[in-house]
Amino acid sequence: MALSTSTATSSNLSTGEPGRGTITFSLGAMLAIWSGNYVAGKLALRHIGPLALVSFRIELAAACMLAIYFSRERAPLRRRDLWTFLGLGLFGVAINQGCFTVGLNYTTSSHAVILIALDPIIVLLFASALKLERFTTAKLIGMVISFGGVLLLETDRAAGSTSFHTGDLLTLGCVMGYSTYAVLGKRAATRAVGEHYDAVAVNTYMTVVAAILYAPLAVRQGIALDWKSVGWVGWTGLIYMAVFASVISYTMFNWLLRHVDASRVAGVNYLQVPVVIVLAVSLLGERPSGHLLSGAALVVGGVYLAERHAALFPVSPGG
C-alpha cells in the first residue's frame, strides 16, 4: 500500500496533476465558501440594498480578478473567443449571481439552496432539447420527484406572502442562467477555450464581462447609497461575496473541473443543502418547517436519481 501511494504521488509530481489531499482540501474549501455565501448575503442585505450589493460585488470581484490576472504573464484573449466569453459572462455571472443576490433578499437561505440544487435537472432538460442528453425512465422519474419537492416547498408559505414567491422565482432565474451557461458553454469552453486559458483567465474574462454590464447600475447605486449607514457587517458580507464566492470559489471551481470528474464536484451539491440549512438555523435564526425539509429531501433525491444516469455537466457554484 505504501509503495502504491508513493508511486501515485511521484506520478502526480511528474505530470503536474494535483494530489488527493489537494483535491480533497479544495472540495472542502469550496463547500465551505459556497455555503457561507448564503449567510454572508443575508447579513449584507440587512445593510445594503440588493441592487447595490450585486453591482458592487461584481465590480469588486472584477477588480480583484484583474489584479490576479496581471500578476503574471498569461495567454492573451483571442478574438475568436470573444463571443464565447460574452455568453459565459452574461449567463454564468451576470444573470446567475445577479438573480441569486436579488432573490436572496426576498426569500430564505434554506429555500434558495434547495432551489439551486435543481441546477442539474434544468441542465438535463436543456441538454436534452439540444440533443446532448437522452431522456431515460430514471431521469424522468428523478425530474418528477424534484419538481414535486419544489411544489411542496412552495406550500411552505403563509397566505399572501408574495415576496417569498418573488424571491424563489428570482432564484430560479439564477438556476436558469447557470444551466444555460453550463450547456452552451460545455463544448465551446472545454474544447476551444479550456486548453488555451488557465482557470484565472477564464474567471477574469467572465467576471469582467459582467462588470461591464453592471457598471451603469453600480454608478447609480453608488450615488444613491448612504455610505455612512452601512456598518461593518454589510461591508464584510459584500467583501466575502466578492472575494471568496466570486473570486476564490469560481476560480477554484474552474480549476477543479480540469483535474476532477464532474461527478466528484457534484457531491458538493448534495452536501450544500444540509450545511446551508444548519448555518441558516444557527446564524440567521431561520426555522425550517416539515414542508421545507421534506421538499429538500425530494429535490436532492430526485436530482441524484436523474444525475447518476446522465453525462454529468459541471455542478453550479451557486450565486
Protein backbone atom coordinates (compact mmCIF):
# COMPACT_ATOMS: atom_id res chain seq x y z
CA MET A 1 0.00 0.00 0.00
CA ALA A 2 2.85 2.36 0.87
CA LEU A 3 4.53 1.61 -2.47
CA SER A 4 1.27 2.31 -4.30
CA THR A 5 0.81 5.66 -2.54
CA SER A 6 4.39 6.64 -3.21
CA THR A 7 4.09 5.74 -6.88
CA ALA A 8 0.86 7.73 -7.22
CA THR A 9 2.49 10.73 -5.53
CA SER A 10 5.50 10.55 -7.82
CA SER A 11 3.21 10.29 -10.82
CA ASN A 12 1.30 13.37 -9.70
CA LEU A 13 4.51 15.33 -9.28
CA SER A 14 5.85 14.30 -12.66
CA THR A 15 2.63 15.04 -14.54
CA GLY A 16 1.79 18.23 -12.66
CA GLU A 17 -1.54 16.80 -11.53
CA PRO A 18 -2.71 17.79 -8.02
CA GLY A 19 -2.56 15.13 -5.30
CA ARG A 20 -5.51 13.58 -3.50
CA GLY A 21 -5.00 15.81 -0.46
CA THR A 22 -5.08 18.96 -2.58
CA ILE A 23 -8.26 17.83 -4.33
CA THR A 24 -9.98 16.94 -1.05
CA PHE A 25 -8.99 20.24 0.56
CA SER A 26 -10.19 22.19 -2.48
CA LEU A 27 -13.58 20.43 -2.50
CA GLY A 28 -13.99 21.05 1.24
CA ALA A 29 -13.00 24.70 0.91
CA MET A 30 -15.39 25.16 -1.98
CA LEU A 31 -18.26 23.63 0.03
CA ALA A 32 -17.49 25.95 2.96
CA ILE A 33 -17.28 29.07 0.78
CA TRP A 34 -20.43 28.30 -1.23
CA SER A 35 -22.39 27.54 1.94
CA GLY A 36 -21.13 30.63 3.72
CA ASN A 37 -22.17 32.76 0.76
CA TYR A 38 -25.85 32.34 1.65
CA VAL A 39 -25.27 33.61 5.19
CA ALA A 40 -22.97 36.43 4.06
CA GLY A 41 -25.56 37.51 1.51
CA LYS A 42 -28.42 37.61 4.01
CA LEU A 43 -26.34 39.59 6.50
CA ALA A 44 -25.12 42.05 3.87
CA LEU A 45 -28.67 42.61 2.63
CA ARG A 46 -29.64 43.90 6.06
CA HIS A 47 -27.34 46.88 5.42
CA ILE A 48 -27.11 47.24 1.62
CA GLY A 49 -29.92 47.14 -0.94
CA PRO A 50 -29.97 44.15 -3.31
CA LEU A 51 -29.16 46.12 -6.49
CA ALA A 52 -26.28 47.93 -4.81
CA LEU A 53 -24.98 44.68 -3.32
CA VAL A 54 -24.94 42.71 -6.56
CA SER A 55 -23.43 45.53 -8.63
CA PHE A 56 -20.74 46.35 -6.04
CA ARG A 57 -19.99 42.65 -5.64
CA ILE A 58 -19.36 42.10 -9.32
CA GLU A 59 -17.30 45.29 -9.75
CA LEU A 60 -15.12 44.40 -6.74
CA ALA A 61 -14.74 40.82 -7.95
CA ALA A 62 -13.65 42.05 -11.40
CA ALA A 63 -11.06 44.39 -9.85
CA CYS A 64 -9.64 41.51 -7.78
CA MET A 65 -9.57 39.15 -10.77
CA LEU A 66 -7.77 41.72 -12.93
CA ALA A 67 -5.13 42.19 -10.22
CA ILE A 68 -4.55 38.43 -10.10
CA TYR A 69 -4.65 38.12 -13.88
CA PHE A 70 -1.92 40.72 -14.42
CA SER A 71 0.25 39.35 -11.62
CA ARG A 72 1.99 37.18 -14.22
CA GLU A 73 2.01 36.69 -17.97
CA ARG A 74 -0.93 34.74 -19.37
CA ALA A 75 -2.22 33.69 -22.78
CA PRO A 76 -3.86 36.73 -24.45
CA LEU A 77 -7.54 36.79 -25.31
CA ARG A 78 -8.12 35.50 -28.83
CA ARG A 79 -10.62 37.43 -30.93
CA ARG A 80 -12.42 34.23 -31.90
CA ASP A 81 -13.15 33.53 -28.20
CA LEU A 82 -14.73 36.93 -27.52
CA TRP A 83 -18.33 35.80 -28.16
CA THR A 84 -17.75 32.69 -26.05
CA PHE A 85 -16.74 34.76 -23.03
CA LEU A 86 -19.56 37.24 -23.62
CA GLY A 87 -22.02 34.35 -23.31
CA LEU A 88 -20.24 32.80 -20.33
CA GLY A 89 -20.09 36.13 -18.53
CA LEU A 90 -23.72 37.00 -19.26
CA PHE A 91 -25.25 33.70 -18.16
CA GLY A 92 -22.63 32.37 -15.74
CA VAL A 93 -22.01 35.58 -13.80
CA ALA A 94 -24.36 38.47 -14.64
CA ILE A 95 -27.62 36.51 -14.58
CA ASN A 96 -26.52 33.74 -12.22
CA GLN A 97 -25.04 35.93 -9.48
CA GLY A 98 -27.45 38.79 -10.12
CA CYS A 99 -30.61 36.74 -9.67
CA PHE A 100 -29.10 34.89 -6.71
CA THR A 101 -28.25 38.08 -4.81
CA VAL A 102 -31.51 39.91 -5.52
CA GLY A 103 -33.58 36.78 -4.97
CA LEU A 104 -31.92 36.17 -1.61
CA ASN A 105 -33.35 39.50 -0.46
CA TYR A 106 -36.89 38.14 -0.76
CA THR A 107 -36.55 34.51 0.29
CA THR A 108 -34.71 32.47 2.91
CA SER A 109 -31.28 30.90 2.61
CA SER A 110 -32.84 27.47 3.03
CA HIS A 111 -35.27 27.99 0.16
CA ALA A 112 -32.54 29.39 -2.06
CA VAL A 113 -30.14 26.48 -1.59
CA ILE A 114 -32.86 23.90 -2.26
CA LEU A 115 -33.92 25.63 -5.47
CA ILE A 116 -30.32 25.98 -6.63
CA ALA A 117 -29.90 22.24 -6.06
CA LEU A 118 -32.22 21.89 -9.08
CA ASP A 119 -29.41 23.03 -11.39
CA PRO A 120 -28.59 19.52 -12.70
CA ILE A 121 -32.27 18.91 -13.53
CA ILE A 122 -32.58 22.10 -15.59
CA VAL A 123 -29.25 21.34 -17.26
CA LEU A 124 -30.61 17.91 -18.25
CA LEU A 125 -33.72 19.49 -19.75
CA PHE A 126 -31.67 21.98 -21.77
CA ALA A 127 -29.17 19.32 -22.81
CA SER A 128 -31.97 17.02 -23.95
CA ALA A 129 -33.51 19.83 -26.02
CA LEU A 130 -30.14 20.34 -27.72
CA LYS A 131 -29.70 16.58 -28.29
CA LEU A 132 -26.77 16.44 -25.84
CA GLU A 133 -28.61 14.07 -23.48
CA ARG A 134 -31.17 11.30 -23.90
CA PHE A 135 -34.24 11.01 -21.74
CA THR A 136 -34.43 7.77 -19.79
CA THR A 137 -37.04 6.47 -17.37
CA ALA A 138 -34.74 7.11 -14.41
CA LYS A 139 -34.07 10.70 -15.48
CA LEU A 140 -37.77 11.37 -15.98
CA ILE A 141 -38.68 9.92 -12.58
CA GLY A 142 -35.90 11.95 -10.94
CA MET A 143 -37.16 15.14 -12.56
CA VAL A 144 -40.74 14.49 -11.47
CA ILE A 145 -39.62 13.82 -7.89
CA SER A 146 -37.52 17.01 -7.83
CA PHE A 147 -40.29 19.21 -9.19
CA GLY A 148 -42.65 17.61 -6.67
CA GLY A 149 -40.21 18.73 -3.98
CA VAL A 150 -40.33 22.29 -5.33
CA LEU A 151 -44.15 22.27 -5.26
CA LEU A 152 -44.05 21.05 -1.66
CA LEU A 153 -41.50 23.75 -0.88
CA GLU A 154 -43.78 26.45 -2.26
CA THR A 155 -46.58 25.41 0.11
CA ASP A 156 -44.28 26.38 2.97
CA ARG A 157 -45.69 29.91 2.97
CA ALA A 158 -48.18 31.97 4.94
CA ALA A 159 -51.09 33.12 2.78
CA GLY A 160 -50.31 36.24 0.80
CA SER A 161 -46.52 36.19 1.31
CA THR A 162 -45.87 37.04 -2.33
CA SER A 163 -42.39 38.43 -1.60
CA PHE A 164 -41.16 34.90 -0.87
CA HIS A 165 -42.50 33.66 -4.19
CA THR A 166 -40.77 36.59 -5.89
CA GLY A 167 -37.50 35.58 -4.24
CA ASP A 168 -37.95 31.98 -5.27
CA LEU A 169 -38.69 32.98 -8.88
CA LEU A 170 -35.56 35.13 -8.97
CA THR A 171 -33.57 32.23 -7.54
CA LEU A 172 -34.92 30.04 -10.33
CA GLY A 173 -33.65 32.74 -12.69
CA CYS A 174 -30.23 32.12 -11.18
CA VAL A 175 -30.68 28.40 -11.91
CA MET A 176 -31.72 29.11 -15.49
CA GLY A 177 -28.73 31.40 -16.01
CA TYR A 178 -26.25 28.82 -14.77
CA SER A 179 -27.91 25.98 -16.67
CA THR A 180 -27.72 27.94 -19.93
CA TYR A 181 -24.08 28.70 -19.23
CA ALA A 182 -23.34 25.04 -18.47
CA VAL A 183 -25.00 23.64 -21.59
CA LEU A 184 -23.98 26.24 -24.15
CA GLY A 185 -20.54 26.66 -22.69
CA LYS A 186 -19.69 22.98 -22.20
CA ARG A 187 -18.33 22.31 -25.67
CA ALA A 188 -17.20 25.81 -26.54
CA ALA A 189 -15.45 26.44 -23.23
CA THR A 190 -13.97 22.98 -22.85
CA ARG A 191 -12.73 22.40 -26.40
CA ALA A 192 -11.99 25.88 -27.74
CA VAL A 193 -11.13 27.68 -24.53
CA GLY A 194 -10.14 25.22 -21.83
CA GLU A 195 -6.77 24.25 -23.27
CA HIS A 196 -5.68 27.80 -24.14
CA TYR A 197 -6.58 29.66 -20.92
CA ASP A 198 -5.94 28.82 -17.29
CA ALA A 199 -8.66 28.96 -14.60
CA VAL A 200 -7.72 32.51 -13.58
CA ALA A 201 -8.02 33.81 -17.14
CA VAL A 202 -11.41 32.14 -17.68
CA ASN A 203 -12.84 33.58 -14.46
CA THR A 204 -11.32 37.01 -15.19
CA TYR A 205 -12.87 37.30 -18.65
CA MET A 206 -16.27 36.11 -17.42
CA THR A 207 -16.27 38.49 -14.45
CA VAL A 208 -15.09 41.49 -16.48
CA VAL A 209 -17.93 40.96 -18.96
CA ALA A 210 -20.43 41.01 -16.08
CA ALA A 211 -18.72 44.05 -14.53
CA ILE A 212 -19.10 45.99 -17.78
CA LEU A 213 -22.80 45.10 -17.91
CA TYR A 214 -23.32 46.14 -14.29
CA ALA A 215 -21.18 49.31 -14.40
CA PRO A 216 -24.06 51.78 -15.04
CA LEU A 217 -26.09 50.24 -12.21
CA ALA A 218 -23.08 50.33 -9.87
CA VAL A 219 -22.55 54.04 -10.56
CA ARG A 220 -26.21 54.83 -9.98
CA GLN A 221 -26.37 52.79 -6.77
CA GLY A 222 -23.12 54.32 -5.55
CA ILE A 223 -24.54 57.82 -5.93
CA ALA A 224 -27.78 56.92 -4.15
CA LEU A 225 -26.23 54.88 -1.31
CA ASP A 226 -25.90 56.37 2.17
CA TRP A 227 -22.36 55.10 2.68
CA LYS A 228 -22.20 56.04 6.36
CA SER A 229 -25.23 53.92 7.17
CA VAL A 230 -23.55 50.68 6.06
CA GLY A 231 -21.97 49.02 9.07
CA TRP A 232 -19.03 46.66 9.19
CA VAL A 233 -21.34 43.66 8.85
CA GLY A 234 -22.59 44.94 5.50
CA TRP A 235 -19.10 45.61 4.15
CA THR A 236 -17.83 42.26 5.45
CA GLY A 237 -20.68 40.45 3.73
CA LEU A 238 -20.01 42.29 0.47
CA ILE A 239 -16.28 41.52 0.59
CA TYR A 240 -16.99 37.86 1.36
CA MET A 241 -19.37 37.54 -1.60
CA ALA A 242 -16.93 39.25 -3.97
CA VAL A 243 -13.57 37.89 -2.82
CA PHE A 244 -14.45 34.43 -1.54
CA ALA A 245 -17.57 33.46 -3.51
CA SER A 246 -16.88 35.19 -6.84
CA VAL A 247 -13.07 35.20 -6.99
CA ILE A 248 -11.74 32.27 -4.96
CA SER A 249 -14.54 29.73 -5.31
CA TYR A 250 -15.22 30.37 -9.01
CA THR A 251 -11.50 30.13 -9.83
CA MET A 252 -11.21 27.00 -7.70
CA PHE A 253 -14.31 25.60 -9.40
CA ASN A 254 -12.86 26.13 -12.90
CA TRP A 255 -9.54 24.65 -11.75
CA LEU A 256 -11.15 21.55 -10.23
CA LEU A 257 -13.08 20.79 -13.40
CA ARG A 258 -9.75 20.47 -15.21
CA HIS A 259 -8.48 17.81 -12.80
CA VAL A 260 -11.55 16.09 -11.30
CA ASP A 261 -14.54 14.29 -12.80
CA ALA A 262 -17.72 16.36 -12.61
CA SER A 263 -19.28 13.57 -10.53
CA ARG A 264 -16.90 14.32 -7.65
CA VAL A 265 -17.62 18.04 -7.81
CA ALA A 266 -21.34 17.22 -7.94
CA GLY A 267 -21.06 15.62 -4.49
CA VAL A 268 -20.63 19.11 -3.06
CA ASN A 269 -24.09 19.99 -4.40
CA TYR A 270 -25.74 17.35 -2.22
CA LEU A 271 -23.83 18.33 0.93
CA GLN A 272 -24.50 22.02 0.44
CA VAL A 273 -28.24 21.73 1.15
CA PRO A 274 -27.99 20.38 4.75
CA VAL A 275 -24.93 22.57 5.52
CA VAL A 276 -26.73 25.78 4.48
CA ILE A 277 -29.89 24.81 6.38
CA VAL A 278 -27.84 24.23 9.55
CA LEU A 279 -25.99 27.54 9.09
CA ALA A 280 -29.27 29.38 8.45
CA VAL A 281 -30.78 27.97 11.64
CA SER A 282 -27.75 28.69 13.83
CA LEU A 283 -26.66 32.07 12.42
CA LEU A 284 -29.76 33.63 10.84
CA GLY A 285 -32.50 32.28 13.10
CA GLU A 286 -34.38 30.55 10.27
CA ARG A 287 -36.76 27.80 11.33
CA PRO A 288 -37.20 25.09 8.69
CA SER A 289 -40.67 23.55 8.59
CA GLY A 290 -41.59 19.97 7.86
CA HIS A 291 -42.62 21.00 4.34
CA LEU A 292 -39.22 22.57 3.72
CA LEU A 293 -37.27 19.54 4.97
CA SER A 294 -39.49 17.14 3.01
CA GLY A 295 -39.15 19.30 -0.10
CA ALA A 296 -35.38 19.35 0.32
CA ALA A 297 -35.26 15.57 0.56
CA LEU A 298 -37.37 15.17 -2.58
CA VAL A 299 -35.31 17.68 -4.58
CA VAL A 300 -31.95 16.20 -3.60
CA GLY A 301 -33.19 12.63 -4.04
CA GLY A 302 -34.69 13.38 -7.44
CA VAL A 303 -31.54 15.17 -8.61
CA TYR A 304 -29.41 12.23 -7.52
CA LEU A 305 -31.64 9.73 -9.33
CA ALA A 306 -31.63 11.76 -12.56
CA GLU A 307 -27.97 12.75 -12.39
CA ARG A 308 -26.50 9.31 -11.75
CA HIS A 309 -27.75 8.21 -15.19
CA ALA A 310 -26.59 11.35 -17.00
CA ALA A 311 -23.40 12.53 -18.63
CA LEU A 312 -22.63 14.96 -15.83
CA PHE A 313 -22.22 18.64 -16.50
CA PRO A 314 -20.40 20.87 -14.01
CA VAL A 315 -22.48 21.50 -10.89
CA SER A 316 -23.38 25.10 -10.13
CA PRO A 317 -21.23 27.06 -7.67
CA GLY A 318 -24.38 28.75 -6.55
CA GLY A 319 -24.54 32.51 -6.61
